[in-house]
Amino acid sequence: MVAESALVPIPSEVIMSFSGYLVSAGKFNAILVIAAGSLGNLVGSLIAYFVGVYLGRGFVIRYGKYVLLKKSHLELAESYFKKYGDRSTFISRLLPAIRTYVSLPAGAAKMNLKRFSAFTLIGSTIWNTALTFIGLKLGEEWDSIRKYSSYFDIVVIAAAIIAIIVYFKKRKVSGS
């Protein structure tokens, strides 16, 4: 979970749901699984956050492409953080794909560290609890989660693209 939150696109859906399966098999404790996953998310998110803070916009613009982050994404994220602040980090922690990348622009935008940490931990705990519960309930059917989560990822990515298009259309209309 540290790697997943430190910009390595590893699906938390598989990690946490499989851990939930191991809880159902009596090999893990649910509370410890959720705590470990959430603390891992926090550590990984802080790594990405501080990369954004200390290496800044220039680094993100130069090397962000290697984690599918463009300058326009950074500018949109910075604008989003300035406008919505805390809510942006919290809500992003509940969204597949987006949750992996939100920390870098939050750091580059110099979002308040205490708020960033609190909302990252709260959002990650909710996400990890849900995935652990799904794995626990599905038991031995845990491998089907990845098949269905890919559909959910597509829906979320499509919604994000639509939201960006709407944002730029509104911005273009108000700027005319």
Protein backbone atom coordinates (compact mmCIF):
# COMPACT_ATOMS: atom_id res chain seq x y z
CA MET A 1 0.00 0.00 0.00
CA VAL A 2 3.02 2.28 0.49
CA ALA A 3 4.01 1.77 -3.15
CA GLU A 4 0.44 2.25 -4.39
CA SER A 5 0.28 5.67 -2.73
CA ALA A 6 3.83 6.62 -3.77
CA LEU A 7 2.85 6.81 -7.45
CA VAL A 8 3.31 3.14 -8.33
CA PRO A 9 0.06 2.00 -9.97
CA ILE A 10 -0.52 -1.15 -7.92
CA PRO A 11 -4.24 -1.88 -7.49
CA SER A 12 -5.31 -1.51 -3.88
CA GLU A 13 -8.50 -3.31 -4.89
CA VAL A 14 -6.52 -6.53 -5.21
CA ILE A 15 -4.24 -6.02 -2.20
CA MET A 16 -6.94 -5.10 0.31
CA SER A 17 -9.63 -7.45 -0.97
CA PHE A 18 -7.22 -10.38 -0.92
CA SER A 19 -6.28 -9.38 2.62
CA GLY A 20 -10.01 -9.45 3.39
CA TYR A 21 -10.14 -12.96 1.98
CA LEU A 22 -7.27 -13.90 4.31
CA VAL A 23 -9.30 -12.44 7.18
CA SER A 24 -12.20 -14.72 6.19
CA ALA A 25 -9.78 -17.66 6.14
CA GLY A 26 -8.69 -16.82 9.70
CA LYS A 27 -5.12 -15.90 8.74
CA PHE A 28 -5.34 -12.12 9.35
CA ASN A 29 -7.16 -9.78 11.72
CA ALA A 30 -9.51 -7.30 9.96
CA ILE A 31 -8.59 -4.34 12.18
CA LEU A 32 -4.87 -4.92 11.66
CA VAL A 33 -5.35 -5.31 7.88
CA ILE A 34 -7.24 -2.02 7.65
CA ALA A 35 -4.74 -0.25 9.92
CA ALA A 36 -1.72 -1.57 7.99
CA GLY A 37 -3.25 -0.64 4.64
CA SER A 38 -4.24 2.83 5.80
CA LEU A 39 -0.86 3.57 7.41
CA GLY A 40 0.82 2.28 4.25
CA ASN A 41 -1.31 4.68 2.21
CA LEU A 42 -0.35 7.54 4.51
CA VAL A 43 3.39 6.78 4.28
CA GLY A 44 3.29 6.42 0.49
CA SER A 45 1.18 9.55 0.15
CA LEU A 46 3.64 11.52 2.28
CA ILE A 47 6.50 10.36 0.06
CA ALA A 48 4.68 11.64 -3.03
CA TYR A 49 3.58 14.79 -1.20
CA PHE A 50 7.15 15.69 -0.24
CA VAL A 51 8.38 14.98 -3.76
CA GLY A 52 5.86 17.61 -4.85
CA VAL A 53 6.84 20.04 -2.08
CA TYR A 54 10.64 19.81 -2.34
CA LEU A 55 11.14 19.12 -6.01
CA GLY A 56 8.27 21.37 -7.00
CA ARG A 57 6.41 22.17 -10.16
CA GLY A 58 9.48 21.93 -12.40
CA PHE A 59 10.17 18.36 -11.35
CA VAL A 60 6.52 17.42 -11.75
CA ILE A 61 6.38 19.03 -15.19
CA ARG A 62 9.65 17.39 -16.30
CA TYR A 63 9.13 13.89 -14.86
CA GLY A 64 5.39 13.69 -14.24
CA LYS A 65 4.88 12.14 -17.67
CA TYR A 66 6.46 8.94 -16.35
CA VAL A 67 3.50 8.53 -14.00
CA LEU A 68 0.99 9.83 -16.56
CA LEU A 69 0.90 13.35 -15.08
CA LYS A 70 1.02 16.25 -17.56
CA LYS A 71 1.58 19.95 -16.91
CA SER A 72 -2.11 20.57 -17.62
CA HIS A 73 -3.03 17.97 -14.99
CA LEU A 74 -0.81 19.72 -12.46
CA GLU A 75 -2.34 23.11 -13.24
CA LEU A 76 -5.83 21.69 -12.94
CA ALA A 77 -4.93 19.98 -9.65
CA GLU A 78 -3.39 23.17 -8.26
CA SER A 79 -6.50 25.12 -9.19
CA TYR A 80 -8.65 22.38 -7.66
CA PHE A 81 -6.66 22.39 -4.41
CA LYS A 82 -6.87 26.18 -4.14
CA LYS A 83 -10.62 26.11 -4.73
CA TYR A 84 -11.66 23.00 -2.76
CA GLY A 85 -8.70 22.37 -0.41
CA ASP A 86 -9.37 19.62 2.11
CA ARG A 87 -12.28 18.09 0.25
CA SER A 88 -10.17 17.41 -2.84
CA THR A 89 -7.76 15.15 -0.97
CA PHE A 90 -10.47 13.36 0.97
CA ILE A 91 -12.67 12.67 -2.06
CA SER A 92 -9.69 11.63 -4.18
CA ARG A 93 -8.81 8.93 -1.64
CA LEU A 94 -12.14 7.27 -2.44
CA LEU A 95 -11.57 7.08 -6.19
CA PRO A 96 -9.66 4.34 -8.00
CA ALA A 97 -6.73 5.49 -10.16
CA ILE A 98 -7.01 9.12 -9.01
CA ARG A 99 -6.14 8.13 -5.43
CA THR A 100 -2.69 6.99 -6.55
CA TYR A 101 -1.72 10.36 -8.01
CA VAL A 102 -3.36 13.01 -5.83
CA SER A 103 -0.46 13.44 -3.39
CA LEU A 104 2.07 14.79 -5.87
CA PRO A 105 0.03 17.82 -6.96
CA ALA A 106 -1.11 18.33 -3.35
CA GLY A 107 2.54 18.70 -2.37
CA ALA A 108 3.35 20.90 -5.35
CA ALA A 109 0.36 23.08 -4.39
CA LYS A 110 1.76 23.11 -0.82
CA MET A 111 -1.49 21.95 0.75
CA ASN A 112 -1.42 22.14 4.56
CA LEU A 113 0.44 19.01 5.74
CA LYS A 114 -1.72 18.31 8.79
CA ARG A 115 -4.92 18.57 6.78
CA PHE A 116 -3.43 16.54 3.95
CA SER A 117 -2.38 13.80 6.37
CA ALA A 118 -5.70 13.74 8.23
CA PHE A 119 -7.82 13.61 5.09
CA THR A 120 -5.51 11.06 3.49
CA LEU A 121 -5.74 8.81 6.54
CA ILE A 122 -9.52 9.18 6.89
CA GLY A 123 -10.22 8.64 3.19
CA SER A 124 -7.78 5.72 2.96
CA THR A 125 -9.31 4.08 6.03
CA ILE A 126 -12.78 4.26 4.50
CA TRP A 127 -11.46 2.87 1.18
CA ASN A 128 -9.48 0.10 2.85
CA THR A 129 -12.36 -0.86 5.14
CA ALA A 130 -14.69 -1.22 2.17
CA LEU A 131 -12.20 -3.32 0.19
CA THR A 132 -11.37 -5.51 3.17
CA PHE A 133 -15.08 -6.06 3.82
CA ILE A 134 -15.64 -6.98 0.15
CA GLY A 135 -12.79 -9.50 0.31
CA LEU A 136 -14.11 -10.90 3.56
CA LYS A 137 -17.62 -11.35 2.12
CA LEU A 138 -16.48 -12.79 -1.19
CA GLY A 139 -14.19 -15.26 0.53
CA GLU A 140 -12.67 -17.57 -2.02
CA GLU A 141 -14.13 -15.56 -4.91
CA TRP A 142 -11.64 -12.74 -4.24
CA ASP A 143 -9.97 -13.01 -7.67
CA SER A 144 -13.22 -11.91 -9.36
CA ILE A 145 -12.86 -8.51 -7.67
CA ARG A 146 -10.13 -7.44 -10.06
CA LYS A 147 -12.28 -8.30 -13.07
CA TYR A 148 -15.11 -6.09 -11.79
CA SER A 149 -12.90 -3.34 -10.38
CA SER A 150 -11.47 -2.72 -13.85
CA TYR A 151 -14.99 -1.77 -14.99
CA PHE A 152 -15.29 0.56 -12.03
CA ASP A 153 -11.89 2.09 -12.89
CA ILE A 154 -13.13 2.76 -16.44
CA VAL A 155 -16.28 4.46 -15.14
CA VAL A 156 -14.29 6.66 -12.73
CA ILE A 157 -11.72 7.60 -15.38
CA ALA A 158 -14.50 8.42 -17.86
CA ALA A 159 -16.24 10.56 -15.21
CA ALA A 160 -12.96 12.38 -14.49
CA ILE A 161 -12.42 13.08 -18.20
CA ILE A 162 -15.99 14.38 -18.53
CA ALA A 163 -15.50 16.59 -15.46
CA ILE A 164 -12.29 18.02 -16.93
CA ILE A 165 -13.98 18.69 -20.27
CA VAL A 166 -16.91 20.42 -18.53
CA TYR A 167 -14.46 22.45 -16.43
CA PHE A 168 -12.56 23.70 -19.48
CA LYS A 169 -15.74 24.41 -21.43
CA LYS A 170 -17.09 26.49 -18.53
CA ARG A 171 -13.72 28.21 -18.19
CA LYS A 172 -13.65 28.98 -21.92
CA VAL A 173 -17.21 30.35 -21.84
CA SER A 174 -16.55 32.54 -18.78
CA GLY A 175 -13.26 33.75 -20.28
CA SER A 176 -14.86 34.83 -23.57
